[in-house]
Every structure is written in structure tokens, then in C-alpha cells.
Amino acid sequence: MEKLIQRWGLTSNFQVLLIIIVFSINGSFAAYIAKPLTEFIGLPKETTNGWLFWPVRIILIFLVYQIILPLVGFIFGQFNFFWNFFTKKMLIRIGFKRFFKED
């Protein structure tokens, strides 16, 4: 636990626990919500070739995960952690660097 606290700049073991809970809830939710999303865009598993279905579903899971992560973090009082360490970095990597101040 101490290595995580130091690496992530946290203040307590309880904060580590909250962050682990957020990761688990968010991952489960992203996987759960991807099924209706693939059906909504017209790619039901039963009638879609696996070579198309699975890459699309994985991309949807990734996108949902990144969008929902700060929201679930907010619910658990950890918004700043998830915004600064994951969401902000991901947005900068895909080209939204100009929207963020230089740190």
C-alpha cells in the first residue's frame, strides 16, 4: 500500500481503497454498458461477425471507461485524482493538449 500511496501521491490507505473501488466499479460498468451500445449502433453479437463485433466492443468499453471514470471518481470523492492522473493524460495524448494549461 505504501508504494501506491507514494507513487500516486495519496494521503491514506483509505484513499487507496476508494480508488481501487472506483476502478472496479467503473470497469464493470463499462463492460456492462458496451452490450446495449453495440446493439444500439446495429451490431448485435448474434448476427455480427466476431472480427467486427469484438474490436468495436473493445473500443466502446475503452471510451465508456474513460468518460465515466471521473464521474464515478467524483461520487467517491476522488475526482481530482482521476482527472489529473488518467483522464487528463489520455485527452492530452489524443490531441487535446491545447485545452490544458502547462503544468
N, C-alpha and C. Protein backbone atom coordinates (compact mmCIF):
# COMPACT_ATOMS: atom_id res chain seq x y z
N MET A 1 0.82 -1.20 0.00
CA MET A 1 0.00 0.00 0.00
C MET A 1 0.85 1.25 0.00
N GLU A 2 1.96 1.22 0.74
CA GLU A 2 2.81 2.41 0.85
C GLU A 2 3.38 2.81 -0.51
N LYS A 3 3.69 1.82 -1.35
CA LYS A 3 4.21 2.14 -2.68
C LYS A 3 3.15 2.86 -3.52
N LEU A 4 1.90 2.41 -3.42
CA LEU A 4 0.82 3.09 -4.15
C LEU A 4 0.60 4.50 -3.63
N ILE A 5 0.65 4.66 -2.33
CA ILE A 5 0.46 5.98 -1.73
C ILE A 5 1.54 6.94 -2.23
N GLN A 6 2.77 6.49 -2.25
CA GLN A 6 3.87 7.34 -2.72
C GLN A 6 3.79 7.59 -4.22
N ARG A 7 3.55 6.54 -4.99
CA ARG A 7 3.52 6.66 -6.45
C ARG A 7 2.40 7.56 -6.93
N TRP A 8 1.24 7.44 -6.32
CA TRP A 8 0.08 8.21 -6.75
C TRP A 8 -0.09 9.52 -5.98
N GLY A 9 0.75 9.77 -5.01
CA GLY A 9 0.65 11.00 -4.23
C GLY A 9 -0.59 11.07 -3.37
N LEU A 10 -0.94 9.96 -2.75
CA LEU A 10 -2.15 9.89 -1.93
C LEU A 10 -1.81 10.20 -0.47
N THR A 11 -2.86 10.30 0.33
CA THR A 11 -2.65 10.69 1.73
C THR A 11 -2.93 9.59 2.72
N SER A 12 -3.66 8.53 2.31
CA SER A 12 -4.01 7.49 3.29
C SER A 12 -4.33 6.17 2.60
N ASN A 13 -4.36 5.12 3.41
CA ASN A 13 -4.78 3.81 2.91
C ASN A 13 -6.25 3.82 2.50
N PHE A 14 -7.05 4.62 3.19
CA PHE A 14 -8.47 4.71 2.84
C PHE A 14 -8.65 5.29 1.44
N GLN A 15 -7.82 6.25 1.07
CA GLN A 15 -7.90 6.82 -0.26
C GLN A 15 -7.53 5.77 -1.31
N VAL A 16 -6.54 4.94 -1.03
CA VAL A 16 -6.18 3.84 -1.93
C VAL A 16 -7.37 2.91 -2.10
N LEU A 17 -8.03 2.56 -1.01
CA LEU A 17 -9.20 1.70 -1.07
C LEU A 17 -10.30 2.31 -1.93
N LEU A 18 -10.57 3.59 -1.75
CA LEU A 18 -11.59 4.25 -2.57
C LEU A 18 -11.23 4.21 -4.05
N ILE A 19 -9.99 4.42 -4.37
CA ILE A 19 -9.55 4.42 -5.77
C ILE A 19 -9.68 3.03 -6.37
N ILE A 20 -9.33 2.01 -5.62
CA ILE A 20 -9.48 0.64 -6.11
C ILE A 20 -10.95 0.31 -6.33
N ILE A 21 -11.83 0.77 -5.43
CA ILE A 21 -13.27 0.56 -5.60
C ILE A 21 -13.76 1.26 -6.86
N VAL A 22 -13.31 2.49 -7.09
CA VAL A 22 -13.72 3.23 -8.29
C VAL A 22 -13.28 2.48 -9.55
N PHE A 23 -12.04 2.00 -9.58
CA PHE A 23 -11.58 1.23 -10.74
C PHE A 23 -12.45 0.01 -10.99
N SER A 24 -12.79 -0.71 -9.95
CA SER A 24 -13.58 -1.93 -10.14
C SER A 24 -15.00 -1.63 -10.58
N ILE A 25 -15.63 -0.65 -9.97
CA ILE A 25 -16.99 -0.29 -10.37
C ILE A 25 -17.00 0.22 -11.80
N ASN A 26 -16.05 1.06 -12.13
CA ASN A 26 -16.02 1.66 -13.46
C ASN A 26 -15.75 0.62 -14.54
N GLY A 27 -14.85 -0.31 -14.29
CA GLY A 27 -14.57 -1.36 -15.28
C GLY A 27 -15.77 -2.25 -15.51
N SER A 28 -16.43 -2.63 -14.44
CA SER A 28 -17.63 -3.47 -14.58
C SER A 28 -18.74 -2.73 -15.32
N PHE A 29 -18.92 -1.45 -14.99
CA PHE A 29 -19.96 -0.67 -15.64
C PHE A 29 -19.67 -0.50 -17.13
N ALA A 30 -18.42 -0.21 -17.48
CA ALA A 30 -18.06 -0.02 -18.89
C ALA A 30 -18.33 -1.29 -19.70
N ALA A 31 -17.96 -2.45 -19.16
CA ALA A 31 -18.22 -3.71 -19.85
C ALA A 31 -19.72 -3.99 -19.96
N TYR A 32 -20.45 -3.66 -18.91
CA TYR A 32 -21.89 -3.90 -18.88
C TYR A 32 -22.61 -3.02 -19.91
N ILE A 33 -22.24 -1.76 -20.00
CA ILE A 33 -22.95 -0.82 -20.86
C ILE A 33 -22.56 -0.98 -22.33
N ALA A 34 -21.43 -1.64 -22.61
CA ALA A 34 -20.99 -1.83 -24.00
C ALA A 34 -21.95 -2.72 -24.79
N LYS A 35 -22.59 -3.68 -24.14
CA LYS A 35 -23.51 -4.58 -24.85
C LYS A 35 -24.69 -3.81 -25.45
N PRO A 36 -25.43 -3.03 -24.66
CA PRO A 36 -26.53 -2.30 -25.29
C PRO A 36 -26.04 -1.24 -26.30
N LEU A 37 -24.85 -0.71 -26.11
CA LEU A 37 -24.33 0.26 -27.07
C LEU A 37 -24.03 -0.39 -28.42
N THR A 38 -23.46 -1.59 -28.40
CA THR A 38 -23.19 -2.27 -29.67
C THR A 38 -24.50 -2.62 -30.38
N GLU A 39 -25.50 -3.01 -29.63
CA GLU A 39 -26.81 -3.29 -30.23
C GLU A 39 -27.46 -2.01 -30.74
N PHE A 40 -27.29 -0.90 -30.03
CA PHE A 40 -27.85 0.38 -30.43
C PHE A 40 -27.28 0.85 -31.77
N ILE A 41 -25.99 0.61 -31.99
CA ILE A 41 -25.38 1.04 -33.25
C ILE A 41 -25.56 0.00 -34.36
N GLY A 42 -26.32 -1.05 -34.07
CA GLY A 42 -26.67 -2.03 -35.09
C GLY A 42 -25.71 -3.19 -35.24
N LEU A 43 -25.02 -3.53 -34.17
CA LEU A 43 -24.07 -4.65 -34.21
C LEU A 43 -24.38 -5.67 -33.13
N PRO A 44 -25.54 -6.35 -33.20
CA PRO A 44 -25.82 -7.38 -32.20
C PRO A 44 -24.85 -8.56 -32.34
N LYS A 45 -24.46 -9.13 -31.23
CA LYS A 45 -23.47 -10.21 -31.23
C LYS A 45 -23.91 -11.41 -32.05
N GLU A 46 -25.20 -11.70 -32.01
CA GLU A 46 -25.71 -12.90 -32.68
C GLU A 46 -25.58 -12.83 -34.20
N THR A 47 -25.65 -11.64 -34.78
CA THR A 47 -25.66 -11.53 -36.25
C THR A 47 -24.44 -10.81 -36.81
N THR A 48 -23.50 -10.45 -35.97
CA THR A 48 -22.33 -9.70 -36.43
C THR A 48 -21.09 -10.59 -36.39
N ASN A 49 -20.29 -10.49 -37.43
CA ASN A 49 -19.04 -11.24 -37.49
C ASN A 49 -18.17 -10.84 -36.30
N GLY A 50 -17.55 -11.82 -35.66
CA GLY A 50 -16.71 -11.58 -34.50
C GLY A 50 -15.53 -10.66 -34.78
N TRP A 51 -15.03 -10.69 -36.02
CA TRP A 51 -13.91 -9.82 -36.39
C TRP A 51 -14.30 -8.35 -36.40
N LEU A 52 -15.56 -8.06 -36.52
CA LEU A 52 -16.05 -6.69 -36.44
C LEU A 52 -16.59 -6.38 -35.04
N PHE A 53 -17.36 -7.32 -34.50
CA PHE A 53 -18.03 -7.09 -33.22
C PHE A 53 -17.05 -6.81 -32.07
N TRP A 54 -16.03 -7.67 -31.90
CA TRP A 54 -15.16 -7.55 -30.73
C TRP A 54 -14.26 -6.30 -30.76
N PRO A 55 -13.67 -5.94 -31.89
CA PRO A 55 -12.91 -4.68 -31.88
C PRO A 55 -13.79 -3.46 -31.58
N VAL A 56 -15.00 -3.44 -32.13
CA VAL A 56 -15.91 -2.33 -31.87
C VAL A 56 -16.30 -2.32 -30.39
N ARG A 57 -16.59 -3.47 -29.84
CA ARG A 57 -16.97 -3.53 -28.43
C ARG A 57 -15.82 -3.10 -27.51
N ILE A 58 -14.61 -3.53 -27.83
CA ILE A 58 -13.46 -3.13 -27.02
C ILE A 58 -13.24 -1.62 -27.08
N ILE A 59 -13.39 -1.05 -28.26
CA ILE A 59 -13.26 0.41 -28.39
C ILE A 59 -14.35 1.11 -27.58
N LEU A 60 -15.58 0.59 -27.64
CA LEU A 60 -16.66 1.18 -26.85
C LEU A 60 -16.39 1.07 -25.35
N ILE A 61 -15.88 -0.07 -24.92
CA ILE A 61 -15.56 -0.23 -23.50
C ILE A 61 -14.51 0.80 -23.10
N PHE A 62 -13.49 0.97 -23.91
CA PHE A 62 -12.43 1.94 -23.61
C PHE A 62 -13.00 3.36 -23.52
N LEU A 63 -13.83 3.73 -24.48
CA LEU A 63 -14.40 5.08 -24.49
C LEU A 63 -15.32 5.32 -23.29
N VAL A 64 -16.20 4.36 -23.02
CA VAL A 64 -17.11 4.48 -21.88
C VAL A 64 -16.29 4.56 -20.59
N TYR A 65 -15.28 3.73 -20.48
CA TYR A 65 -14.44 3.71 -19.28
C TYR A 65 -13.81 5.08 -19.03
N GLN A 66 -13.24 5.68 -20.07
CA GLN A 66 -12.58 6.97 -19.92
C GLN A 66 -13.56 8.09 -19.61
N ILE A 67 -14.74 8.03 -20.17
CA ILE A 67 -15.74 9.09 -19.93
C ILE A 67 -16.33 8.98 -18.53
N ILE A 68 -16.61 7.78 -18.10
CA ILE A 68 -17.27 7.56 -16.82
C ILE A 68 -16.30 7.61 -15.63
N LEU A 69 -15.01 7.37 -15.86
CA LEU A 69 -14.04 7.31 -14.77
C LEU A 69 -14.06 8.54 -13.87
N PRO A 70 -13.99 9.76 -14.40
CA PRO A 70 -14.04 10.91 -13.48
C PRO A 70 -15.39 11.06 -12.78
N LEU A 71 -16.46 10.62 -13.42
CA LEU A 71 -17.79 10.73 -12.79
C LEU A 71 -17.91 9.78 -11.60
N VAL A 72 -17.47 8.54 -11.77
CA VAL A 72 -17.51 7.60 -10.66
C VAL A 72 -16.53 8.05 -9.58
N GLY A 73 -15.38 8.57 -9.99
CA GLY A 73 -14.43 9.12 -9.03
C GLY A 73 -15.03 10.26 -8.24
N PHE A 74 -15.82 11.10 -8.89
CA PHE A 74 -16.49 12.21 -8.21
C PHE A 74 -17.44 11.69 -7.13
N ILE A 75 -18.19 10.65 -7.46
CA ILE A 75 -19.14 10.07 -6.49
C ILE A 75 -18.40 9.61 -5.23
N PHE A 76 -17.19 9.10 -5.40
CA PHE A 76 -16.41 8.62 -4.26
C PHE A 76 -15.44 9.67 -3.72
N GLY A 77 -15.57 10.90 -4.19
CA GLY A 77 -14.74 11.99 -3.68
C GLY A 77 -13.31 11.97 -4.18
N GLN A 78 -13.07 11.33 -5.30
CA GLN A 78 -11.71 11.20 -5.83
C GLN A 78 -11.59 11.78 -7.24
N PHE A 79 -12.42 12.77 -7.56
CA PHE A 79 -12.42 13.34 -8.90
C PHE A 79 -11.04 13.87 -9.31
N ASN A 80 -10.40 14.64 -8.45
CA ASN A 80 -9.11 15.24 -8.80
C ASN A 80 -8.06 14.19 -9.13
N PHE A 81 -8.05 13.11 -8.38
CA PHE A 81 -7.09 12.04 -8.67
C PHE A 81 -7.30 11.49 -10.06
N PHE A 82 -8.53 11.13 -10.39
CA PHE A 82 -8.78 10.52 -11.69
C PHE A 82 -8.65 11.52 -12.83
N TRP A 83 -9.02 12.75 -12.61
CA TRP A 83 -8.88 13.76 -13.66
C TRP A 83 -7.40 14.00 -13.97
N ASN A 84 -6.59 14.19 -12.95
CA ASN A 84 -5.19 14.52 -13.17
C ASN A 84 -4.35 13.34 -13.64
N PHE A 85 -4.61 12.16 -13.13
CA PHE A 85 -3.73 11.03 -13.42
C PHE A 85 -4.16 10.19 -14.61
N PHE A 86 -5.41 10.22 -14.98
CA PHE A 86 -5.85 9.33 -16.06
C PHE A 86 -6.56 10.07 -17.19
N THR A 87 -7.65 10.71 -16.90
CA THR A 87 -8.45 11.33 -17.94
C THR A 87 -7.70 12.45 -18.64
N LYS A 88 -7.12 13.35 -17.88
CA LYS A 88 -6.39 14.48 -18.47
C LYS A 88 -5.23 13.98 -19.33
N LYS A 89 -4.47 13.01 -18.86
CA LYS A 89 -3.35 12.48 -19.62
C LYS A 89 -3.83 11.82 -20.91
N MET A 90 -4.94 11.09 -20.83
CA MET A 90 -5.46 10.44 -22.03
C MET A 90 -5.92 11.47 -23.05
N LEU A 91 -6.60 12.52 -22.61
CA LEU A 91 -7.05 13.56 -23.53
C LEU A 91 -5.87 14.28 -24.18
N ILE A 92 -4.83 14.53 -23.42
CA ILE A 92 -3.64 15.18 -23.97
C ILE A 92 -2.99 14.27 -25.02
N ARG A 93 -2.93 12.99 -24.75
CA ARG A 93 -2.31 12.05 -25.70
C ARG A 93 -3.07 11.96 -27.02
N ILE A 94 -4.39 12.14 -27.00
CA ILE A 94 -5.14 12.05 -28.25
C ILE A 94 -5.32 13.40 -28.94
N GLY A 95 -4.64 14.44 -28.44
CA GLY A 95 -4.60 15.69 -29.17
C GLY A 95 -5.32 16.88 -28.58
N PHE A 96 -5.77 16.81 -27.36
CA PHE A 96 -6.47 17.94 -26.74
C PHE A 96 -5.55 18.75 -25.83
N LYS A 97 -4.26 18.75 -26.12
CA LYS A 97 -3.28 19.41 -25.26
C LYS A 97 -3.54 20.90 -25.12
N ARG A 98 -4.02 21.55 -26.15
CA ARG A 98 -4.22 23.00 -26.12
C ARG A 98 -5.30 23.44 -25.14
N PHE A 99 -6.14 22.52 -24.68
CA PHE A 99 -7.20 22.86 -23.75
C PHE A 99 -6.74 22.85 -22.28
N PHE A 100 -5.51 22.44 -22.04
CA PHE A 100 -4.99 22.33 -20.69
C PHE A 100 -3.79 23.24 -20.51
N LYS A 101 -3.73 23.88 -19.34
CA LYS A 101 -2.58 24.71 -19.00
C LYS A 101 -1.36 23.81 -18.87
N GLU A 102 -0.21 24.38 -19.17
CA GLU A 102 1.04 23.66 -18.93
C GLU A 102 1.26 23.56 -17.43
N ASP A 103 1.57 22.38 -16.94
CA ASP A 103 1.82 22.17 -15.51
C ASP A 103 3.25 22.45 -15.18
